Amino acid sequence: MPTPNLPRRLRPAAMVAVAGLMVACGSGDTLLPALTDDSTCEDAVAIVTTAIDEARSYVGTGRDDAALRDELVFALSAVDERPECVDEDLVRTATGLRSTLNGL
């Protein structure tokens, strides 16, 4: 989800902010950004870290929102789509949260 008007180093922060606002507003549409063919490694890391934060919040609050849960599982799968971009800790955390979410 490149944003051509922002400097490259600010894009991940902007993506996190937008995702946070969308989740907070409960728009009902796609809540988290997804990887595209144009996504950079920075984008992939931002997507995964945002999904991890949101998944932890989802699990911690005991929410029952199947659409959000599916969205989080999909966003966490970015570690599989771009393994060269994420470190082992992110992979381990994302995989564990995906398993937890799939078990709910």
PDB file of N, CA and C in Angstrom:
ATOM      1  N   MET A   1       0.838  -1.171   0.000  1.00  0.00           N
ATOM      2  CA  MET A   1       0.000   0.000   0.000  1.00  0.00           C
ATOM      3  C   MET A   1       0.882   1.232   0.000  1.00  0.00           C
ATOM      4  N   PRO A   2       1.677   1.435  -1.035  1.00  0.00           N
ATOM      5  CA  PRO A   2       2.574   2.570  -1.099  1.00  0.00           C
ATOM      6  C   PRO A   2       1.816   3.890  -1.122  1.00  0.00           C
ATOM      7  N   THR A   3       2.364   4.869  -0.460  1.00  0.00           N
ATOM      8  CA  THR A   3       1.803   6.206  -0.428  1.00  0.00           C
ATOM      9  C   THR A   3       2.823   7.140  -1.047  1.00  0.00           C
ATOM     10  N   PRO A   4       2.666   7.501  -2.313  1.00  0.00           N
ATOM     11  CA  PRO A   4       3.704   8.222  -3.024  1.00  0.00           C
ATOM     12  C   PRO A   4       4.047   9.584  -2.442  1.00  0.00           C
ATOM     13  N   ASN A   5       3.152  10.211  -1.700  1.00  0.00           N
ATOM     14  CA  ASN A   5       3.418  11.543  -1.176  1.00  0.00           C
ATOM     15  C   ASN A   5       4.217  11.538   0.116  1.00  0.00           C
ATOM     16  N   LEU A   6       4.382  10.402   0.736  1.00  0.00           N
ATOM     17  CA  LEU A   6       5.129  10.317   1.987  1.00  0.00           C
ATOM     18  C   LEU A   6       6.551   9.848   1.726  1.00  0.00           C
ATOM     19  N   PRO A   7       7.505  10.382   2.499  1.00  0.00           N
ATOM     20  CA  PRO A   7       8.865   9.837   2.388  1.00  0.00           C
ATOM     21  C   PRO A   7       8.841   8.350   2.728  1.00  0.00           C
ATOM     22  N   ARG A   8       9.694   7.591   2.105  1.00  0.00           N
ATOM     23  CA  ARG A   8       9.731   6.136   2.249  1.00  0.00           C
ATOM     24  C   ARG A   8       9.792   5.693   3.711  1.00  0.00           C
ATOM     25  N   ARG A   9      10.547   6.374   4.539  1.00  0.00           N
ATOM     26  CA  ARG A   9      10.702   5.955   5.937  1.00  0.00           C
ATOM     27  C   ARG A   9       9.438   6.181   6.765  1.00  0.00           C
ATOM     28  N   LEU A  10       8.511   7.008   6.284  1.00  0.00           N
ATOM     29  CA  LEU A  10       7.279   7.265   7.027  1.00  0.00           C
ATOM     30  C   LEU A  10       6.120   6.362   6.604  1.00  0.00           C
ATOM     31  N   ARG A  11       6.276   5.642   5.510  1.00  0.00           N
ATOM     32  CA  ARG A  11       5.181   4.805   5.007  1.00  0.00           C
ATOM     33  C   ARG A  11       4.715   3.757   6.013  1.00  0.00           C
ATOM     34  N   PRO A  12       5.630   2.989   6.634  1.00  0.00           N
ATOM     35  CA  PRO A  12       5.146   1.992   7.602  1.00  0.00           C
ATOM     36  C   PRO A  12       4.383   2.622   8.761  1.00  0.00           C
ATOM     37  N   ALA A  13       4.862   3.762   9.256  1.00  0.00           N
ATOM     38  CA  ALA A  13       4.170   4.436  10.357  1.00  0.00           C
ATOM     39  C   ALA A  13       2.787   4.898   9.914  1.00  0.00           C
ATOM     40  N   ALA A  14       2.687   5.388   8.695  1.00  0.00           N
ATOM     41  CA  ALA A  14       1.394   5.826   8.176  1.00  0.00           C
ATOM     42  C   ALA A  14       0.437   4.645   8.045  1.00  0.00           C
ATOM     43  N   MET A  15       0.944   3.504   7.590  1.00  0.00           N
ATOM     44  CA  MET A  15       0.103   2.313   7.454  1.00  0.00           C
ATOM     45  C   MET A  15      -0.414   1.852   8.813  1.00  0.00           C
ATOM     46  N   VAL A  16       0.448   1.891   9.807  1.00  0.00           N
ATOM     47  CA  VAL A  16       0.047   1.490  11.154  1.00  0.00           C
ATOM     48  C   VAL A  16      -1.023   2.435  11.674  1.00  0.00           C
ATOM     49  N   ALA A  17      -0.837   3.729  11.458  1.00  0.00           N
ATOM     50  CA  ALA A  17      -1.811   4.710  11.928  1.00  0.00           C
ATOM     51  C   ALA A  17      -3.163   4.513  11.248  1.00  0.00           C
ATOM     52  N   VAL A  18      -3.161   4.309   9.951  1.00  0.00           N
ATOM     53  CA  VAL A  18      -4.410   4.098   9.213  1.00  0.00           C
ATOM     54  C   VAL A  18      -5.100   2.826   9.689  1.00  0.00           C
ATOM     55  N   ALA A  19      -4.338   1.761   9.852  1.00  0.00           N
ATOM     56  CA  ALA A  19      -4.925   0.499  10.319  1.00  0.00           C
ATOM     57  C   ALA A  19      -5.528   0.671  11.707  1.00  0.00           C
ATOM     58  N   GLY A  20      -4.824   1.372  12.575  1.00  0.00           N
ATOM     59  CA  GLY A  20      -5.333   1.616  13.925  1.00  0.00           C
ATOM     60  C   GLY A  20      -6.625   2.406  13.913  1.00  0.00           C
ATOM     61  N   LEU A  21      -6.684   3.434  13.077  1.00  0.00           N
ATOM     62  CA  LEU A  21      -7.902   4.231  12.972  1.00  0.00           C
ATOM     63  C   LEU A  21      -9.063   3.414  12.426  1.00  0.00           C
ATOM     64  N   MET A  22      -8.781   2.588  11.437  1.00  0.00           N
ATOM     65  CA  MET A  22      -9.849   1.779  10.857  1.00  0.00           C
ATOM     66  C   MET A  22     -10.389   0.779  11.867  1.00  0.00           C
ATOM     67  N   VAL A  23      -9.518   0.184  12.642  1.00  0.00           N
ATOM     68  CA  VAL A  23      -9.964  -0.769  13.659  1.00  0.00           C
ATOM     69  C   VAL A  23     -10.753  -0.044  14.735  1.00  0.00           C
ATOM     70  N   ALA A  24     -10.256   1.115  15.157  1.00  0.00           N
ATOM     71  CA  ALA A  24     -10.928   1.878  16.204  1.00  0.00           C
ATOM     72  C   ALA A  24     -12.313   2.334  15.753  1.00  0.00           C
ATOM     73  N   CYS A  25     -12.451   2.669  14.489  1.00  0.00           N
ATOM     74  CA  CYS A  25     -13.733   3.150  13.972  1.00  0.00           C
ATOM     75  C   CYS A  25     -14.691   2.016  13.646  1.00  0.00           C
ATOM     76  N   GLY A  26     -14.175   0.809  13.526  1.00  0.00           N
ATOM     77  CA  GLY A  26     -15.039  -0.328  13.212  1.00  0.00           C
ATOM     78  C   GLY A  26     -15.752  -0.149  11.884  1.00  0.00           C
ATOM     79  N   SER A  27     -15.010   0.181  10.856  1.00  0.00           N
ATOM     80  CA  SER A  27     -15.596   0.518   9.562  1.00  0.00           C
ATOM     81  C   SER A  27     -16.362  -0.630   8.925  1.00  0.00           C
ATOM     82  N   GLY A  28     -16.036  -1.866   9.274  1.00  0.00           N
ATOM     83  CA  GLY A  28     -16.704  -3.006   8.668  1.00  0.00           C
ATOM     84  C   GLY A  28     -16.078  -3.415   7.349  1.00  0.00           C
ATOM     85  N   ASP A  29     -15.252  -2.574   6.779  1.00  0.00           N
ATOM     86  CA  ASP A  29     -14.532  -2.916   5.556  1.00  0.00           C
ATOM     87  C   ASP A  29     -13.225  -3.582   5.951  1.00  0.00           C
ATOM     88  N   THR A  30     -12.338  -3.738   4.980  1.00  0.00           N
ATOM     89  CA  THR A  30     -11.031  -4.300   5.277  1.00  0.00           C
ATOM     90  C   THR A  30     -10.370  -3.455   6.350  1.00  0.00           C
ATOM     91  N   LEU A  31      -9.961  -4.076   7.425  1.00  0.00           N
ATOM     92  CA  LEU A  31      -9.426  -3.342   8.563  1.00  0.00           C
ATOM     93  C   LEU A  31      -7.922  -3.187   8.526  1.00  0.00           C
ATOM     94  N   LEU A  32      -7.245  -4.130   7.945  1.00  0.00           N
ATOM     95  CA  LEU A  32      -5.790  -4.103   7.929  1.00  0.00           C
ATOM     96  C   LEU A  32      -5.294  -4.063   6.495  1.00  0.00           C
ATOM     97  N   PRO A  33      -4.206  -3.347   6.270  1.00  0.00           N
ATOM     98  CA  PRO A  33      -3.655  -3.334   4.912  1.00  0.00           C
ATOM     99  C   PRO A  33      -3.158  -4.723   4.538  1.00  0.00           C
ATOM    100  N   ALA A  34      -3.153  -5.007   3.271  1.00  0.00           N
ATOM    101  CA  ALA A  34      -2.684  -6.303   2.783  1.00  0.00           C
ATOM    102  C   ALA A  34      -1.472  -6.099   1.888  1.00  0.00           C
ATOM    103  N   LEU A  35      -0.687  -7.141   1.764  1.00  0.00           N
ATOM    104  CA  LEU A  35       0.461  -7.083   0.866  1.00  0.00           C
ATOM    105  C   LEU A  35      -0.017  -6.997  -0.576  1.00  0.00           C
ATOM    106  N   THR A  36       0.701  -6.224  -1.353  1.00  0.00           N
ATOM    107  CA  THR A  36       0.437  -6.138  -2.782  1.00  0.00           C
ATOM    108  C   THR A  36       1.737  -6.441  -3.512  1.00  0.00           C
ATOM    109  N   ASP A  37       1.677  -6.489  -4.814  1.00  0.00           N
ATOM    110  CA  ASP A  37       2.890  -6.712  -5.603  1.00  0.00           C
ATOM    111  C   ASP A  37       3.900  -5.588  -5.411  1.00  0.00           C
ATOM    112  N   ASP A  38       3.415  -4.412  -5.045  1.00  0.00           N
ATOM    113  CA  ASP A  38       4.289  -3.254  -4.850  1.00  0.00           C
ATOM    114  C   ASP A  38       4.787  -3.115  -3.416  1.00  0.00           C
ATOM    115  N   SER A  39       4.363  -3.990  -2.524  1.00  0.00           N
ATOM    116  CA  SER A  39       4.753  -3.884  -1.116  1.00  0.00           C
ATOM    117  C   SER A  39       6.249  -4.108  -0.942  1.00  0.00           C
ATOM    118  N   THR A  40       6.838  -3.273  -0.104  1.00  0.00           N
ATOM    119  CA  THR A  40       8.252  -3.415   0.229  1.00  0.00           C
ATOM    120  C   THR A  40       8.374  -4.282   1.474  1.00  0.00           C
ATOM    121  N   CYS A  41       9.598  -4.601   1.837  1.00  0.00           N
ATOM    122  CA  CYS A  41       9.818  -5.330   3.089  1.00  0.00           C
ATOM    123  C   CYS A  41       9.349  -4.496   4.274  1.00  0.00           C
ATOM    124  N   GLU A  42       9.552  -3.182   4.210  1.00  0.00           N
ATOM    125  CA  GLU A  42       9.067  -2.310   5.282  1.00  0.00           C
ATOM    126  C   GLU A  42       7.554  -2.430   5.418  1.00  0.00           C
ATOM    127  N   ASP A  43       6.858  -2.474   4.282  1.00  0.00           N
ATOM    128  CA  ASP A  43       5.406  -2.636   4.303  1.00  0.00           C
ATOM    129  C   ASP A  43       5.019  -3.964   4.951  1.00  0.00           C
ATOM    130  N   ALA A  44       5.707  -5.029   4.580  1.00  0.00           N
ATOM    131  CA  ALA A  44       5.403  -6.355   5.125  1.00  0.00           C
ATOM    132  C   ALA A  44       5.594  -6.378   6.635  1.00  0.00           C
ATOM    133  N   VAL A  45       6.682  -5.800   7.113  1.00  0.00           N
ATOM    134  CA  VAL A  45       6.937  -5.762   8.556  1.00  0.00           C
ATOM    135  C   VAL A  45       5.872  -4.925   9.252  1.00  0.00           C
ATOM    136  N   ALA A  46       5.497  -3.791   8.660  1.00  0.00           N
ATOM    137  CA  ALA A  46       4.463  -2.945   9.260  1.00  0.00           C
ATOM    138  C   ALA A  46       3.128  -3.679   9.333  1.00  0.00           C
ATOM    139  N   ILE A  47       2.786  -4.402   8.286  1.00  0.00           N
ATOM    140  CA  ILE A  47       1.532  -5.154   8.270  1.00  0.00           C
ATOM    141  C   ILE A  47       1.540  -6.230   9.351  1.00  0.00           C
ATOM    142  N   VAL A  48       2.632  -6.965   9.448  1.00  0.00           N
ATOM    143  CA  VAL A  48       2.719  -8.045  10.435  1.00  0.00           C
ATOM    144  C   VAL A  48       2.713  -7.489  11.853  1.00  0.00           C
ATOM    145  N   THR A  49       3.474  -6.439  12.119  1.00  0.00           N
ATOM    146  CA  THR A  49       3.515  -5.901  13.485  1.00  0.00           C
ATOM    147  C   THR A  49       2.166  -5.306  13.876  1.00  0.00           C
ATOM    148  N   THR A  50       1.486  -4.660  12.940  1.00  0.00           N
ATOM    149  CA  THR A  50       0.145  -4.146  13.223  1.00  0.00           C
ATOM    150  C   THR A  50      -0.808  -5.299  13.510  1.00  0.00           C
ATOM    151  N   ALA A  51      -0.743  -6.343  12.705  1.00  0.00           N
ATOM    152  CA  ALA A  51      -1.611  -7.506  12.907  1.00  0.00           C
ATOM    153  C   ALA A  51      -1.326  -8.181  14.241  1.00  0.00           C
ATOM    154  N   ILE A  52      -0.061  -8.251  14.628  1.00  0.00           N
ATOM    155  CA  ILE A  52       0.293  -8.844  15.921  1.00  0.00           C
ATOM    156  C   ILE A  52      -0.318  -8.031  17.056  1.00  0.00           C
ATOM    157  N   ASP A  53      -0.169  -6.711  17.003  1.00  0.00           N
ATOM    158  CA  ASP A  53      -0.740  -5.855  18.050  1.00  0.00           C
ATOM    159  C   ASP A  53      -2.257  -6.008  18.120  1.00  0.00           C
ATOM    160  N   GLU A  54      -2.899  -5.992  16.957  1.00  0.00           N
ATOM    161  CA  GLU A  54      -4.358  -6.117  16.925  1.00  0.00           C
ATOM    162  C   GLU A  54      -4.812  -7.508  17.371  1.00  0.00           C
ATOM    163  N   ALA A  55      -4.076  -8.544  16.992  1.00  0.00           N
ATOM    164  CA  ALA A  55      -4.435  -9.911  17.393  1.00  0.00           C
ATOM    165  C   ALA A  55      -4.301 -10.085  18.902  1.00  0.00           C
ATOM    166  N   ARG A  56      -3.248  -9.529  19.474  1.00  0.00           N
ATOM    167  CA  ARG A  56      -3.095  -9.603  20.938  1.00  0.00           C
ATOM    168  C   ARG A  56      -4.256  -8.909  21.629  1.00  0.00           C
ATOM    169  N   SER A  57      -4.651  -7.761  21.122  1.00  0.00           N
ATOM    170  CA  SER A  57      -5.783  -7.038  21.690  1.00  0.00           C
ATOM    171  C   SER A  57      -7.072  -7.844  21.537  1.00  0.00           C
ATOM    172  N   TYR A  58      -7.268  -8.422  20.365  1.00  0.00           N
ATOM    173  CA  TYR A  58      -8.461  -9.227  20.091  1.00  0.00           C
ATOM    174  C   TYR A  58      -8.548 -10.399  21.061  1.00  0.00           C
ATOM    175  N   VAL A  59      -7.452 -11.128  21.205  1.00  0.00           N
ATOM    176  CA  VAL A  59      -7.437 -12.294  22.098  1.00  0.00           C
ATOM    177  C   VAL A  59      -7.620 -11.851  23.546  1.00  0.00           C
ATOM    178  N   GLY A  60      -6.957 -10.766  23.930  1.00  0.00           N
ATOM    179  CA  GLY A  60      -7.013 -10.288  25.311  1.00  0.00           C
ATOM    180  C   GLY A  60      -8.383  -9.806  25.735  1.00  0.00           C
ATOM    181  N   THR A  61      -9.152  -9.256  24.804  1.00  0.00           N
ATOM    182  CA  THR A  61     -10.471  -8.737  25.154  1.00  0.00           C
ATOM    183  C   THR A  61     -11.572  -9.774  25.008  1.00  0.00           C
ATOM    184  N   GLY A  62     -11.256 -10.911  24.397  1.00  0.00           N
ATOM    185  CA  GLY A  62     -12.255 -11.963  24.238  1.00  0.00           C
ATOM    186  C   GLY A  62     -13.361 -11.610  23.259  1.00  0.00           C
ATOM    187  N   ARG A  63     -13.072 -10.727  22.323  1.00  0.00           N
ATOM    188  CA  ARG A  63     -14.076 -10.334  21.330  1.00  0.00           C
ATOM    189  C   ARG A  63     -14.501 -11.538  20.496  1.00  0.00           C
ATOM    190  N   ASP A  64     -15.704 -11.449  19.966  1.00  0.00           N
ATOM    191  CA  ASP A  64     -16.219 -12.506  19.095  1.00  0.00           C
ATOM    192  C   ASP A  64     -16.672 -11.870  17.788  1.00  0.00           C
ATOM    193  N   ASP A  65     -15.723 -11.608  16.919  1.00  0.00           N
ATOM    194  CA  ASP A  65     -15.980 -10.965  15.630  1.00  0.00           C
ATOM    195  C   ASP A  65     -15.272 -11.795  14.566  1.00  0.00           C
ATOM    196  N   ALA A  66     -16.026 -12.682  13.930  1.00  0.00           N
ATOM    197  CA  ALA A  66     -15.433 -13.618  12.972  1.00  0.00           C
ATOM    198  C   ALA A  66     -14.750 -12.901  11.810  1.00  0.00           C
ATOM    199  N   ALA A  67     -15.322 -11.797  11.340  1.00  0.00           N
ATOM    200  CA  ALA A  67     -14.726 -11.068  10.214  1.00  0.00           C
ATOM    201  C   ALA A  67     -13.368 -10.491  10.610  1.00  0.00           C
ATOM    202  N   LEU A  68     -13.293  -9.903  11.787  1.00  0.00           N
ATOM    203  CA  LEU A  68     -12.024  -9.346  12.255  1.00  0.00           C
ATOM    204  C   LEU A  68     -11.010 -10.458  12.493  1.00  0.00           C
ATOM    205  N   ARG A  69     -11.468 -11.553  13.083  1.00  0.00           N
ATOM    206  CA  ARG A  69     -10.565 -12.680  13.330  1.00  0.00           C
ATOM    207  C   ARG A  69      -9.974 -13.193  12.010  1.00  0.00           C
ATOM    208  N   ASP A  70     -10.806 -13.353  10.997  1.00  0.00           N
ATOM    209  CA  ASP A  70     -10.323 -13.807   9.688  1.00  0.00           C
ATOM    210  C   ASP A  70      -9.353 -12.807   9.076  1.00  0.00           C
ATOM    211  N   GLU A  71      -9.644 -11.533   9.243  1.00  0.00           N
ATOM    212  CA  GLU A  71      -8.775 -10.474   8.729  1.00  0.00           C
ATOM    213  C   GLU A  71      -7.404 -10.528   9.403  1.00  0.00           C
ATOM    214  N   LEU A  72      -7.403 -10.751  10.699  1.00  0.00           N
ATOM    215  CA  LEU A  72      -6.142 -10.835  11.438  1.00  0.00           C
ATOM    216  C   LEU A  72      -5.334 -12.053  11.008  1.00  0.00           C
ATOM    217  N   VAL A  73      -5.998 -13.187  10.849  1.00  0.00           N
ATOM    218  CA  VAL A  73      -5.302 -14.401  10.403  1.00  0.00           C
ATOM    219  C   VAL A  73      -4.678 -14.163   9.029  1.00  0.00           C
ATOM    220  N   PHE A  74      -5.413 -13.518   8.143  1.00  0.00           N
ATOM    221  CA  PHE A  74      -4.898 -13.225   6.806  1.00  0.00           C
ATOM    222  C   PHE A  74      -3.695 -12.285   6.876  1.00  0.00           C
ATOM    223  N   ALA A  75      -3.796 -11.229   7.679  1.00  0.00           N
ATOM    224  CA  ALA A  75      -2.682 -10.277   7.801  1.00  0.00           C
ATOM    225  C   ALA A  75      -1.452 -10.943   8.409  1.00  0.00           C
ATOM    226  N   LEU A  76      -1.664 -11.823   9.367  1.00  0.00           N
ATOM    227  CA  LEU A  76      -0.535 -12.525   9.985  1.00  0.00           C
ATOM    228  C   LEU A  76       0.144 -13.471   9.001  1.00  0.00           C
ATOM    229  N   SER A  77      -0.574 -13.879   7.965  1.00  0.00           N
ATOM    230  CA  SER A  77       0.024 -14.784   6.981  1.00  0.00           C
ATOM    231  C   SER A  77       1.056 -14.089   6.099  1.00  0.00           C
ATOM    232  N   ALA A  78       1.202 -12.782   6.239  1.00  0.00           N
ATOM    233  CA  ALA A  78       2.229 -12.054   5.474  1.00  0.00           C
ATOM    234  C   ALA A  78       3.626 -12.585   5.786  1.00  0.00           C
ATOM    235  N   VAL A  79       3.803 -13.196   6.965  1.00  0.00           N
ATOM    236  CA  VAL A  79       5.122 -13.768   7.290  1.00  0.00           C
ATOM    237  C   VAL A  79       5.450 -14.931   6.366  1.00  0.00           C
ATOM    238  N   ASP A  80       4.424 -15.615   5.857  1.00  0.00           N
ATOM    239  CA  ASP A  80       4.652 -16.715   4.923  1.00  0.00           C
ATOM    240  C   ASP A  80       4.848 -16.212   3.495  1.00  0.00           C
ATOM    241  N   GLU A  81       4.175 -15.118   3.177  1.00  0.00           N
ATOM    242  CA  GLU A  81       4.265 -14.574   1.824  1.00  0.00           C
ATOM    243  C   GLU A  81       5.584 -13.855   1.569  1.00  0.00           C
ATOM    244  N   ARG A  82       6.157 -13.252   2.596  1.00  0.00           N
ATOM    245  CA  ARG A  82       7.410 -12.510   2.438  1.00  0.00           C
ATOM    246  C   ARG A  82       8.402 -12.903   3.534  1.00  0.00           C
ATOM    247  N   PRO A  83       8.803 -14.172   3.585  1.00  0.00           N
ATOM    248  CA  PRO A  83       9.677 -14.642   4.667  1.00  0.00           C
ATOM    249  C   PRO A  83      11.034 -13.942   4.699  1.00  0.00           C
ATOM    250  N   GLU A  84      11.482 -13.436   3.568  1.00  0.00           N
ATOM    251  CA  GLU A  84      12.776 -12.757   3.533  1.00  0.00           C
ATOM    252  C   GLU A  84      12.741 -11.405   4.254  1.00  0.00           C
ATOM    253  N   CYS A  85      11.550 -10.942   4.588  1.00  0.00           N
ATOM    254  CA  CYS A  85      11.403  -9.608   5.176  1.00  0.00           C
ATOM    255  C   CYS A  85      11.283  -9.612   6.699  1.00  0.00           C
ATOM    256  N   VAL A  86      10.946 -10.734   7.272  1.00  0.00           N
ATOM    257  CA  VAL A  86      10.651 -10.752   8.711  1.00  0.00           C
ATOM    258  C   VAL A  86      11.633 -11.646   9.453  1.00  0.00           C
ATOM    259  N   ASP A  87      11.912 -11.264  10.698  1.00  0.00           N
ATOM    260  CA  ASP A  87      12.853 -12.059  11.483  1.00  0.00           C
ATOM    261  C   ASP A  87      12.123 -13.207  12.182  1.00  0.00           C
ATOM    262  N   GLU A  88      12.903 -14.086  12.784  1.00  0.00           N
ATOM    263  CA  GLU A  88      12.344 -15.300  13.396  1.00  0.00           C
ATOM    264  C   GLU A  88      11.364 -14.997  14.519  1.00  0.00           C
ATOM    265  N   ASP A  89      11.621 -13.943  15.291  1.00  0.00           N
ATOM    266  CA  ASP A  89      10.709 -13.602  16.382  1.00  0.00           C
ATOM    267  C   ASP A  89       9.324 -13.229  15.856  1.00  0.00           C
ATOM    268  N   LEU A  90       9.294 -12.426  14.787  1.00  0.00           N
ATOM    269  CA  LEU A  90       8.004 -12.062  14.201  1.00  0.00           C
ATOM    270  C   LEU A  90       7.297 -13.285  13.635  1.00  0.00           C
ATOM    271  N   VAL A  91       8.044 -14.155  12.982  1.00  0.00           N
ATOM    272  CA  VAL A  91       7.451 -15.378  12.425  1.00  0.00           C
ATOM    273  C   VAL A  91       6.852 -16.223  13.543  1.00  0.00           C
ATOM    274  N   ARG A  92       7.607 -16.411  14.601  1.00  0.00           N
ATOM    275  CA  ARG A  92       7.149 -17.232  15.725  1.00  0.00           C
ATOM    276  C   ARG A  92       5.897 -16.617  16.373  1.00  0.00           C
ATOM    277  N   THR A  93       5.932 -15.309  16.603  1.00  0.00           N
ATOM    278  CA  THR A  93       4.796 -14.634  17.228  1.00  0.00           C
ATOM    279  C   THR A  93       3.565 -14.693  16.333  1.00  0.00           C
ATOM    280  N   ALA A  94       3.748 -14.386  15.051  1.00  0.00           N
ATOM    281  CA  ALA A  94       2.620 -14.396  14.113  1.00  0.00           C
ATOM    282  C   ALA A  94       2.026 -15.796  13.983  1.00  0.00           C
ATOM    283  N   THR A  95       2.872 -16.800  13.911  1.00  0.00           N
ATOM    284  CA  THR A  95       2.403 -18.180  13.780  1.00  0.00           C
ATOM    285  C   THR A  95       1.616 -18.605  15.020  1.00  0.00           C
ATOM    286  N   GLY A  96       2.121 -18.260  16.194  1.00  0.00           N
ATOM    287  CA  GLY A  96       1.422 -18.595  17.433  1.00  0.00           C
ATOM    288  C   GLY A  96       0.071 -17.915  17.538  1.00  0.00           C
ATOM    289  N   LEU A  97       0.030 -16.634  17.185  1.00  0.00           N
ATOM    290  CA  LEU A  97      -1.240 -15.909  17.240  1.00  0.00           C
ATOM    291  C   LEU A  97      -2.231 -16.433  16.204  1.00  0.00           C
ATOM    292  N   ARG A  98      -1.731 -16.802  15.034  1.00  0.00           N
ATOM    293  CA  ARG A  98      -2.606 -17.383  14.013  1.00  0.00           C
ATOM    294  C   ARG A  98      -3.236 -18.667  14.531  1.00  0.00           C
ATOM    295  N   SER A  99      -2.443 -19.501  15.186  1.00  0.00           N
ATOM    296  CA  SER A  99      -2.973 -20.749  15.756  1.00  0.00           C
ATOM    297  C   SER A  99      -4.016 -20.456  16.817  1.00  0.00           C
ATOM    298  N   THR A 100      -3.730 -19.480  17.662  1.00  0.00           N
ATOM    299  CA  THR A 100      -4.681 -19.103  18.711  1.00  0.00           C
ATOM    300  C   THR A 100      -5.983 -18.613  18.100  1.00  0.00           C
ATOM    301  N   LEU A 101      -5.879 -17.717  17.119  1.00  0.00           N
ATOM    302  CA  LEU A 101      -7.082 -17.172  16.484  1.00  0.00           C
ATOM    303  C   LEU A 101      -7.874 -18.254  15.759  1.00  0.00           C
ATOM    304  N   ASN A 102      -7.197 -19.173  15.106  1.00  0.00           N
ATOM    305  CA  ASN A 102      -7.893 -20.256  14.406  1.00  0.00           C
ATOM    306  C   ASN A 102      -8.593 -21.192  15.374  1.00  0.00           C
ATOM    307  N   GLY A 103      -8.120 -21.243  16.615  1.00  0.00           N
ATOM    308  CA  GLY A 103      -8.730 -22.106  17.617  1.00  0.00           C
ATOM    309  C   GLY A 103      -9.910 -21.479  18.326  1.00  0.00           C
ATOM    310  N   LEU A 104     -10.162 -20.196  18.083  1.00  0.00           N
ATOM    311  CA  LEU A 104     -11.279 -19.518  18.765  1.00  0.00           C
ATOM    312  C   LEU A 104     -12.599 -19.805  18.088  1.00  0.00           C
TER     313      LEU A 104
END
